[in-house]
Amino acid sequence: MERSLLQRIEAFLKESAMPPSVFGRAAVRDPRLVGDLRGGREPGRQIICRTEHFMNKWRADRDAGRIAAVGDLRTRAARQAGGGRA
C-alpha cells in the first residue's frame, strides 16, 4: 500500500531535521501546509507534485554534497548555548 503524502512528508521532516513550517514555506510557499495536512486537509495534485519535487530535489542536492541537514535553528542555538546538550 502506498504511503500518504503526509506520511512521506513526516519521514522527510525526520530525515532532514527541517521544521514543518520551513518545509511548507520552501515547498509550496505555505508555512501552514503540514499542520493543515495533519488536521485533515486533502492536497490537490499540484501540491502533491510540488512537495514531491521539493523532497526529491533536496535529497539529490544533499547526496551531491550541495546542502547539509542543519535542523531547527532554535534547537541548534540551544545546543550551542548549553555546551552541546539538547
N, C-alpha and C. Protein backbone atom coordinates (compact mmCIF):
# COMPACT_ATOMS: atom_id res chain seq x y z
N MET A 1 0.84 -1.19 0.00
CA MET A 1 0.00 0.00 0.00
C MET A 1 0.89 1.25 0.00
N GLU A 2 0.54 2.21 -0.81
CA GLU A 2 1.31 3.43 -0.93
C GLU A 2 1.08 4.33 0.30
N ARG A 3 2.15 4.94 0.76
CA ARG A 3 2.03 5.84 1.90
C ARG A 3 1.39 7.15 1.46
N SER A 4 0.68 7.78 2.37
CA SER A 4 0.05 9.05 2.05
C SER A 4 1.11 10.15 1.96
N LEU A 5 0.71 11.26 1.38
CA LEU A 5 1.62 12.40 1.27
C LEU A 5 2.09 12.82 2.65
N LEU A 6 1.18 12.88 3.61
CA LEU A 6 1.56 13.29 4.97
C LEU A 6 2.60 12.33 5.56
N GLN A 7 2.44 11.04 5.35
CA GLN A 7 3.42 10.08 5.86
C GLN A 7 4.79 10.30 5.21
N ARG A 8 4.80 10.58 3.92
CA ARG A 8 6.07 10.83 3.24
C ARG A 8 6.71 12.13 3.73
N ILE A 9 5.89 13.14 3.97
CA ILE A 9 6.41 14.41 4.49
C ILE A 9 6.96 14.21 5.90
N GLU A 10 6.23 13.50 6.74
CA GLU A 10 6.70 13.26 8.11
C GLU A 10 8.05 12.55 8.10
N ALA A 11 8.22 11.55 7.23
CA ALA A 11 9.50 10.86 7.12
C ALA A 11 10.59 11.81 6.65
N PHE A 12 10.25 12.69 5.71
CA PHE A 12 11.22 13.66 5.22
C PHE A 12 11.62 14.64 6.32
N LEU A 13 10.65 15.11 7.09
CA LEU A 13 10.95 16.05 8.17
C LEU A 13 11.92 15.43 9.18
N LYS A 14 11.71 14.17 9.49
CA LYS A 14 12.61 13.48 10.41
C LYS A 14 14.00 13.34 9.78
N GLU A 15 14.04 12.94 8.52
CA GLU A 15 15.31 12.74 7.80
C GLU A 15 16.10 14.04 7.67
N SER A 16 15.41 15.12 7.38
CA SER A 16 16.08 16.40 7.12
C SER A 16 16.24 17.27 8.36
N ALA A 17 15.56 16.92 9.44
CA ALA A 17 15.54 17.74 10.65
C ALA A 17 15.03 19.15 10.35
N MET A 18 14.09 19.23 9.41
CA MET A 18 13.54 20.50 8.99
C MET A 18 12.23 20.75 9.73
N PRO A 19 12.03 21.93 10.28
CA PRO A 19 10.75 22.24 10.92
C PRO A 19 9.62 22.23 9.89
N PRO A 20 8.41 21.84 10.32
CA PRO A 20 7.28 21.78 9.38
C PRO A 20 6.99 23.09 8.67
N SER A 21 7.09 24.21 9.36
CA SER A 21 6.78 25.49 8.72
C SER A 21 7.82 25.85 7.67
N VAL A 22 9.07 25.51 7.92
CA VAL A 22 10.13 25.78 6.93
C VAL A 22 9.89 24.92 5.70
N PHE A 23 9.52 23.66 5.91
CA PHE A 23 9.22 22.77 4.79
C PHE A 23 8.08 23.33 3.95
N GLY A 24 6.98 23.67 4.59
CA GLY A 24 5.82 24.16 3.85
C GLY A 24 6.12 25.42 3.06
N ARG A 25 6.87 26.33 3.68
CA ARG A 25 7.21 27.57 3.00
C ARG A 25 8.13 27.30 1.80
N ALA A 26 9.12 26.42 1.98
CA ALA A 26 10.07 26.13 0.90
C ALA A 26 9.42 25.32 -0.22
N ALA A 27 8.55 24.40 0.13
CA ALA A 27 7.96 23.51 -0.88
C ALA A 27 6.83 24.17 -1.67
N VAL A 28 5.92 24.83 -0.96
CA VAL A 28 4.73 25.37 -1.63
C VAL A 28 4.35 26.78 -1.18
N ARG A 29 5.26 27.45 -0.50
CA ARG A 29 5.03 28.82 -0.01
C ARG A 29 3.85 28.91 0.94
N ASP A 30 3.67 27.85 1.74
CA ASP A 30 2.58 27.81 2.71
C ASP A 30 3.11 27.24 4.02
N PRO A 31 3.46 28.09 4.99
CA PRO A 31 4.03 27.57 6.24
C PRO A 31 3.06 26.73 7.06
N ARG A 32 1.78 26.79 6.75
CA ARG A 32 0.78 26.01 7.48
C ARG A 32 0.47 24.68 6.83
N LEU A 33 1.14 24.35 5.75
CA LEU A 33 0.83 23.14 4.99
C LEU A 33 0.81 21.89 5.85
N VAL A 34 1.89 21.62 6.57
CA VAL A 34 1.98 20.37 7.34
C VAL A 34 0.92 20.34 8.43
N GLY A 35 0.73 21.44 9.13
CA GLY A 35 -0.29 21.49 10.17
C GLY A 35 -1.69 21.25 9.60
N ASP A 36 -1.95 21.84 8.44
CA ASP A 36 -3.25 21.64 7.80
C ASP A 36 -3.42 20.18 7.36
N LEU A 37 -2.37 19.57 6.81
CA LEU A 37 -2.45 18.16 6.42
C LEU A 37 -2.69 17.28 7.63
N ARG A 38 -2.01 17.60 8.73
CA ARG A 38 -2.22 16.84 9.98
C ARG A 38 -3.66 17.00 10.46
N GLY A 39 -4.27 18.14 10.15
CA GLY A 39 -5.65 18.39 10.55
C GLY A 39 -6.69 17.87 9.59
N GLY A 40 -6.26 17.20 8.52
CA GLY A 40 -7.21 16.60 7.61
C GLY A 40 -7.32 17.22 6.23
N ARG A 41 -6.54 18.26 5.94
CA ARG A 41 -6.59 18.88 4.62
C ARG A 41 -6.23 17.86 3.55
N GLU A 42 -6.99 17.85 2.48
CA GLU A 42 -6.73 16.96 1.34
C GLU A 42 -5.97 17.75 0.28
N PRO A 43 -4.74 17.37 -0.02
CA PRO A 43 -3.95 18.12 -1.00
C PRO A 43 -4.40 17.82 -2.43
N GLY A 44 -4.31 18.83 -3.27
CA GLY A 44 -4.58 18.65 -4.68
C GLY A 44 -3.36 18.11 -5.41
N ARG A 45 -3.53 17.84 -6.68
CA ARG A 45 -2.44 17.26 -7.47
C ARG A 45 -1.23 18.20 -7.53
N GLN A 46 -1.47 19.51 -7.65
CA GLN A 46 -0.36 20.46 -7.75
C GLN A 46 0.45 20.48 -6.45
N ILE A 47 -0.20 20.45 -5.31
CA ILE A 47 0.50 20.43 -4.02
C ILE A 47 1.31 19.15 -3.89
N ILE A 48 0.72 18.03 -4.27
CA ILE A 48 1.43 16.75 -4.19
C ILE A 48 2.68 16.79 -5.06
N CYS A 49 2.54 17.26 -6.29
CA CYS A 49 3.68 17.31 -7.21
C CYS A 49 4.77 18.25 -6.71
N ARG A 50 4.37 19.42 -6.21
CA ARG A 50 5.37 20.39 -5.73
C ARG A 50 6.10 19.87 -4.49
N THR A 51 5.39 19.23 -3.57
CA THR A 51 6.07 18.73 -2.37
C THR A 51 6.99 17.56 -2.72
N GLU A 52 6.53 16.66 -3.59
CA GLU A 52 7.37 15.54 -4.01
C GLU A 52 8.63 16.05 -4.72
N HIS A 53 8.46 17.03 -5.58
CA HIS A 53 9.60 17.60 -6.30
C HIS A 53 10.59 18.22 -5.31
N PHE A 54 10.09 18.97 -4.34
CA PHE A 54 10.96 19.60 -3.36
C PHE A 54 11.75 18.55 -2.58
N MET A 55 11.07 17.50 -2.11
CA MET A 55 11.76 16.47 -1.33
C MET A 55 12.79 15.74 -2.17
N ASN A 56 12.44 15.41 -3.42
CA ASN A 56 13.39 14.72 -4.29
C ASN A 56 14.59 15.59 -4.62
N LYS A 57 14.35 16.88 -4.88
CA LYS A 57 15.46 17.79 -5.18
C LYS A 57 16.34 17.99 -3.96
N TRP A 58 15.75 18.13 -2.79
CA TRP A 58 16.54 18.30 -1.56
C TRP A 58 17.43 17.08 -1.33
N ARG A 59 16.89 15.89 -1.51
CA ARG A 59 17.68 14.66 -1.32
C ARG A 59 18.80 14.57 -2.35
N ALA A 60 18.51 14.92 -3.60
CA ALA A 60 19.55 14.88 -4.64
C ALA A 60 20.65 15.88 -4.32
N ASP A 61 20.27 17.08 -3.88
CA ASP A 61 21.27 18.09 -3.52
C ASP A 61 22.10 17.64 -2.32
N ARG A 62 21.46 17.03 -1.35
CA ARG A 62 22.18 16.52 -0.18
C ARG A 62 23.16 15.42 -0.59
N ASP A 63 22.69 14.49 -1.41
CA ASP A 63 23.55 13.39 -1.84
C ASP A 63 24.72 13.88 -2.69
N ALA A 64 24.54 14.99 -3.39
CA ALA A 64 25.61 15.56 -4.21
C ALA A 64 26.53 16.46 -3.38
N GLY A 65 26.20 16.64 -2.10
CA GLY A 65 27.05 17.46 -1.22
C GLY A 65 26.80 18.94 -1.32
N ARG A 66 25.70 19.34 -1.96
CA ARG A 66 25.41 20.76 -2.10
C ARG A 66 24.73 21.37 -0.87
N ILE A 67 24.09 20.54 -0.07
CA ILE A 67 23.45 21.02 1.16
C ILE A 67 23.68 20.00 2.26
N ALA A 68 23.48 20.43 3.48
CA ALA A 68 23.56 19.53 4.63
C ALA A 68 22.37 19.82 5.53
N ALA A 69 21.87 18.78 6.17
CA ALA A 69 20.76 18.96 7.11
C ALA A 69 21.27 19.77 8.28
N VAL A 70 20.60 20.87 8.60
CA VAL A 70 21.03 21.72 9.69
C VAL A 70 20.06 21.66 10.86
N GLY A 71 18.88 21.18 10.66
CA GLY A 71 17.91 21.09 11.73
C GLY A 71 17.27 22.42 12.05
N ASP A 72 16.55 22.42 13.11
CA ASP A 72 15.84 23.60 13.59
C ASP A 72 16.85 24.55 14.20
N LEU A 73 16.91 25.78 13.72
CA LEU A 73 17.88 26.75 14.22
C LEU A 73 17.70 27.02 15.71
N ARG A 74 16.48 26.97 16.21
CA ARG A 74 16.26 27.20 17.64
C ARG A 74 16.90 26.09 18.46
N THR A 75 16.75 24.85 18.01
CA THR A 75 17.34 23.72 18.72
C THR A 75 18.85 23.77 18.65
N ARG A 76 19.37 24.10 17.48
CA ARG A 76 20.83 24.18 17.33
C ARG A 76 21.40 25.27 18.23
N ALA A 77 20.73 26.42 18.31
CA ALA A 77 21.20 27.51 19.17
C ALA A 77 21.18 27.10 20.63
N ALA A 78 20.15 26.36 21.03
CA ALA A 78 20.06 25.90 22.42
C ALA A 78 21.17 24.90 22.73
N ARG A 79 21.50 24.03 21.79
CA ARG A 79 22.59 23.07 22.00
C ARG A 79 23.91 23.78 22.14
N GLN A 80 24.15 24.79 21.30
CA GLN A 80 25.40 25.52 21.35
C GLN A 80 25.52 26.30 22.65
N ALA A 81 24.45 26.90 23.10
CA ALA A 81 24.48 27.67 24.33
C ALA A 81 24.63 26.78 25.56
N GLY A 82 24.12 25.55 25.47
CA GLY A 82 24.18 24.62 26.60
C GLY A 82 25.39 23.72 26.60
N GLY A 83 26.38 24.01 25.78
CA GLY A 83 27.57 23.18 25.75
C GLY A 83 27.39 21.85 25.05
N GLY A 84 26.48 21.82 24.06
CA GLY A 84 26.30 20.60 23.30
C GLY A 84 25.16 19.72 23.77
N ARG A 85 24.51 20.10 24.85
CA ARG A 85 23.37 19.32 25.33
C ARG A 85 22.08 19.88 24.78
N ALA A 86 21.15 19.00 24.48
CA ALA A 86 19.84 19.46 23.98
C ALA A 86 18.76 19.17 24.98
